[in-house]
């Protein structure tokens, strides 16, 4: 395991030690703290960001940045006009076996679009 002690020295699995200066900070983004030890939890400052505060648009922007300008424009229109305009209709008209957040819809759509674009690029 990688460990950070009280003196702000990060010790890696390889026993390499990385001292942090007073101005250095480390930011980790995790899905959950299921495997975190009590020491890790007590030393870390935990910041919870609610999905509804951030929304799905930053995810889409990050996803679009990997594309050429024409695709960026096309997918911007798709998400801002089609997805945003119809998300409430989807929630009203479809029955879900478990609740799903907007970001869940967006991640599914972007994965499907990535697969379709890769298929098209491969000539299939």
C-alpha atoms as a PDB file:
ATOM      1  CA  UNK A   1       0.000   0.000   0.000  1.00  0.00           C
ATOM      2  CA  UNK A   2       0.983   3.587  -0.556  1.00  0.00           C
ATOM      3  CA  UNK A   3       1.130   5.567   2.689  1.00  0.00           C
ATOM      4  CA  UNK A   4       1.378   9.244   3.606  1.00  0.00           C
ATOM      5  CA  UNK A   5       2.609   9.886   7.123  1.00  0.00           C
ATOM      6  CA  UNK A   6       2.023  12.860   9.421  1.00  0.00           C
ATOM      7  CA  UNK A   7       5.186  14.570   8.093  1.00  0.00           C
ATOM      8  CA  UNK A   8       3.724  14.729   4.557  1.00  0.00           C
ATOM      9  CA  UNK A   9       6.072  12.066   3.181  1.00  0.00           C
ATOM     10  CA  UNK A  10       4.465   9.787   0.616  1.00  0.00           C
ATOM     11  CA  UNK A  11       5.883   6.245   0.743  1.00  0.00           C
ATOM     12  CA  UNK A  12       5.153   4.154  -2.340  1.00  0.00           C
ATOM     13  CA  UNK A  13       4.908   0.361  -2.542  1.00  0.00           C
ATOM     14  CA  UNK A  14       8.481   0.330  -3.890  1.00  0.00           C
ATOM     15  CA  UNK A  15       9.615   2.082  -0.647  1.00  0.00           C
ATOM     16  CA  UNK A  16      10.401   5.236  -2.617  1.00  0.00           C
ATOM     17  CA  UNK A  17       9.762   8.224  -0.352  1.00  0.00           C
ATOM     18  CA  UNK A  18       8.444  11.489  -1.784  1.00  0.00           C
ATOM     19  CA  UNK A  19       8.495  14.426   0.639  1.00  0.00           C
ATOM     20  CA  UNK A  20       5.864  17.117   0.126  1.00  0.00           C
ATOM     21  CA  UNK A  21       6.764  20.767   0.581  1.00  0.00           C
ATOM     22  CA  UNK A  22       4.373  22.977   2.581  1.00  0.00           C
ATOM     23  CA  UNK A  23       2.913  24.351  -0.660  1.00  0.00           C
ATOM     24  CA  UNK A  24       2.308  20.944  -2.263  1.00  0.00           C
ATOM     25  CA  UNK A  25      -1.113  19.290  -2.170  1.00  0.00           C
ATOM     26  CA  UNK A  26      -2.419  15.970  -3.402  1.00  0.00           C
ATOM     27  CA  UNK A  27      -5.889  15.563  -4.826  1.00  0.00           C
ATOM     28  CA  UNK A  28      -7.422  12.135  -5.355  1.00  0.00           C
ATOM     29  CA  UNK A  29     -10.736  11.494  -7.039  1.00  0.00           C
ATOM     30  CA  UNK A  30     -12.351   8.272  -5.928  1.00  0.00           C
ATOM     31  CA  UNK A  31     -15.744   6.676  -6.367  1.00  0.00           C
ATOM     32  CA  UNK A  32     -15.997   5.452  -2.781  1.00  0.00           C
ATOM     33  CA  UNK A  33     -13.867   4.860   0.312  1.00  0.00           C
ATOM     34  CA  UNK A  34     -14.749   1.186   0.650  1.00  0.00           C
ATOM     35  CA  UNK A  35     -11.110   0.058   0.969  1.00  0.00           C
ATOM     36  CA  UNK A  36      -9.743   3.079   2.824  1.00  0.00           C
ATOM     37  CA  UNK A  37      -8.235   2.517   6.241  1.00  0.00           C
ATOM     38  CA  UNK A  38      -9.292   4.642   9.218  1.00  0.00           C
ATOM     39  CA  UNK A  39      -5.875   6.343   9.053  1.00  0.00           C
ATOM     40  CA  UNK A  40      -6.456   7.303   5.425  1.00  0.00           C
ATOM     41  CA  UNK A  41      -9.895   8.668   6.212  1.00  0.00           C
ATOM     42  CA  UNK A  42      -8.648  10.668   9.192  1.00  0.00           C
ATOM     43  CA  UNK A  43      -5.734  12.235   7.273  1.00  0.00           C
ATOM     44  CA  UNK A  44      -7.666  13.078   4.146  1.00  0.00           C
ATOM     45  CA  UNK A  45      -9.939  16.032   3.729  1.00  0.00           C
ATOM     46  CA  UNK A  46     -13.083  14.589   2.215  1.00  0.00           C
ATOM     47  CA  UNK A  47     -15.075  16.747  -0.160  1.00  0.00           C
ATOM     48  CA  UNK A  48     -18.404  15.412  -1.386  1.00  0.00           C
ATOM     49  CA  UNK A  49     -19.658  16.905  -4.629  1.00  0.00           C
ATOM     50  CA  UNK A  50     -23.311  16.344  -5.383  1.00  0.00           C
ATOM     51  CA  UNK A  51     -24.056  15.269  -8.962  1.00  0.00           C
ATOM     52  CA  UNK A  52     -26.859  17.805  -9.256  1.00  0.00           C
ATOM     53  CA  UNK A  53     -24.484  20.668  -8.323  1.00  0.00           C
ATOM     54  CA  UNK A  54     -22.025  19.823 -11.093  1.00  0.00           C
ATOM     55  CA  UNK A  55     -24.326  18.231 -13.665  1.00  0.00           C
ATOM     56  CA  UNK A  56     -23.418  16.305 -16.778  1.00  0.00           C
ATOM     57  CA  UNK A  57     -22.159  19.153 -18.972  1.00  0.00           C
ATOM     58  CA  UNK A  58     -18.510  19.115 -17.754  1.00  0.00           C
ATOM     59  CA  UNK A  59     -18.370  15.392 -18.534  1.00  0.00           C
ATOM     60  CA  UNK A  60     -19.642  15.992 -22.074  1.00  0.00           C
ATOM     61  CA  UNK A  61     -17.205  18.888 -22.593  1.00  0.00           C
ATOM     62  CA  UNK A  62     -14.297  16.685 -21.535  1.00  0.00           C
ATOM     63  CA  UNK A  63     -15.509  13.874 -23.797  1.00  0.00           C
ATOM     64  CA  UNK A  64     -15.917  16.219 -26.780  1.00  0.00           C
ATOM     65  CA  UNK A  65     -12.402  17.676 -26.407  1.00  0.00           C
ATOM     66  CA  UNK A  66     -10.988  14.403 -27.758  1.00  0.00           C
ATOM     67  CA  UNK A  67     -12.761  14.849 -31.097  1.00  0.00           C
ATOM     68  CA  UNK A  68     -12.154  16.824 -34.255  1.00  0.00           C
ATOM     69  CA  UNK A  69     -13.918  20.231 -34.511  1.00  0.00           C
ATOM     70  CA  UNK A  70     -16.750  18.985 -36.751  1.00  0.00           C
ATOM     71  CA  UNK A  71     -17.626  16.149 -34.374  1.00  0.00           C
ATOM     72  CA  UNK A  72     -17.352  18.517 -31.399  1.00  0.00           C
ATOM     73  CA  UNK A  73     -19.910  20.830 -32.958  1.00  0.00           C
ATOM     74  CA  UNK A  74     -22.245  17.986 -33.907  1.00  0.00           C
ATOM     75  CA  UNK A  75     -22.218  16.405 -30.469  1.00  0.00           C
ATOM     76  CA  UNK A  76     -22.584  19.794 -28.791  1.00  0.00           C
ATOM     77  CA  UNK A  77     -25.834  20.253 -30.714  1.00  0.00           C
ATOM     78  CA  UNK A  78     -26.952  16.699 -29.895  1.00  0.00           C
ATOM     79  CA  UNK A  79     -26.533  17.123 -26.155  1.00  0.00           C
ATOM     80  CA  UNK A  80     -27.655  20.727 -25.758  1.00  0.00           C
ATOM     81  CA  UNK A  81     -30.754  20.434 -27.939  1.00  0.00           C
ATOM     82  CA  UNK A  82     -31.802  16.788 -27.967  1.00  0.00           C
ATOM     83  CA  UNK A  83     -30.653  15.391 -24.639  1.00  0.00           C
ATOM     84  CA  UNK A  84     -31.269  18.440 -22.498  1.00  0.00           C
ATOM     85  CA  UNK A  85     -34.643  19.058 -24.094  1.00  0.00           C
ATOM     86  CA  UNK A  86     -35.859  15.480 -23.685  1.00  0.00           C
ATOM     87  CA  UNK A  87     -34.420  14.167 -20.430  1.00  0.00           C
ATOM     88  CA  UNK A  88     -37.559  14.969 -18.445  1.00  0.00           C
ATOM     89  CA  UNK A  89     -39.743  13.302 -21.088  1.00  0.00           C
ATOM     90  CA  UNK A  90     -37.599  10.160 -20.843  1.00  0.00           C
ATOM     91  CA  UNK A  91     -38.034  10.134 -17.069  1.00  0.00           C
ATOM     92  CA  UNK A  92     -41.817  10.518 -17.372  1.00  0.00           C
ATOM     93  CA  UNK A  93     -42.381   8.011 -20.187  1.00  0.00           C
ATOM     94  CA  UNK A  94     -40.026   5.166 -19.252  1.00  0.00           C
ATOM     95  CA  UNK A  95     -40.147   2.887 -16.215  1.00  0.00           C
ATOM     96  CA  UNK A  96     -36.771   2.229 -14.602  1.00  0.00           C
ATOM     97  CA  UNK A  97     -36.049  -0.776 -12.403  1.00  0.00           C
ATOM     98  CA  UNK A  98     -33.528   1.306 -10.467  1.00  0.00           C
ATOM     99  CA  UNK A  99     -33.032   5.067 -10.292  1.00  0.00           C
ATOM    100  CA  UNK A 100     -30.524   6.574 -12.708  1.00  0.00           C
ATOM    101  CA  UNK A 101     -28.945  10.011 -12.552  1.00  0.00           C
ATOM    102  CA  UNK A 102     -28.572  12.247 -15.601  1.00  0.00           C
ATOM    103  CA  UNK A 103     -24.828  11.545 -15.651  1.00  0.00           C
ATOM    104  CA  UNK A 104     -25.672   7.840 -15.957  1.00  0.00           C
ATOM    105  CA  UNK A 105     -27.702   8.550 -19.098  1.00  0.00           C
ATOM    106  CA  UNK A 106     -24.888  10.686 -20.495  1.00  0.00           C
ATOM    107  CA  UNK A 107     -22.180   8.110 -19.790  1.00  0.00           C
ATOM    108  CA  UNK A 108     -24.235   5.408 -21.496  1.00  0.00           C
ATOM    109  CA  UNK A 109     -24.913   7.579 -24.549  1.00  0.00           C
ATOM    110  CA  UNK A 110     -21.244   8.617 -24.871  1.00  0.00           C
ATOM    111  CA  UNK A 111     -20.090   4.981 -24.596  1.00  0.00           C
ATOM    112  CA  UNK A 112     -22.530   3.964 -27.324  1.00  0.00           C
ATOM    113  CA  UNK A 113     -21.442   6.874 -29.529  1.00  0.00           C
ATOM    114  CA  UNK A 114     -17.768   6.002 -29.000  1.00  0.00           C
ATOM    115  CA  UNK A 115     -18.491   2.429 -30.075  1.00  0.00           C
ATOM    116  CA  UNK A 116     -20.374   3.586 -33.179  1.00  0.00           C
ATOM    117  CA  UNK A 117     -17.612   6.023 -34.146  1.00  0.00           C
ATOM    118  CA  UNK A 118     -14.960   3.312 -33.727  1.00  0.00           C
ATOM    119  CA  UNK A 119     -17.025   0.889 -35.828  1.00  0.00           C
ATOM    120  CA  UNK A 120     -17.385   3.518 -38.550  1.00  0.00           C
ATOM    121  CA  UNK A 121     -13.684   4.343 -38.464  1.00  0.00           C
ATOM    122  CA  UNK A 122     -12.855   0.652 -38.762  1.00  0.00           C
ATOM    123  CA  UNK A 123     -15.007   0.374 -41.876  1.00  0.00           C
ATOM    124  CA  UNK A 124     -17.464  -2.078 -40.375  1.00  0.00           C
END
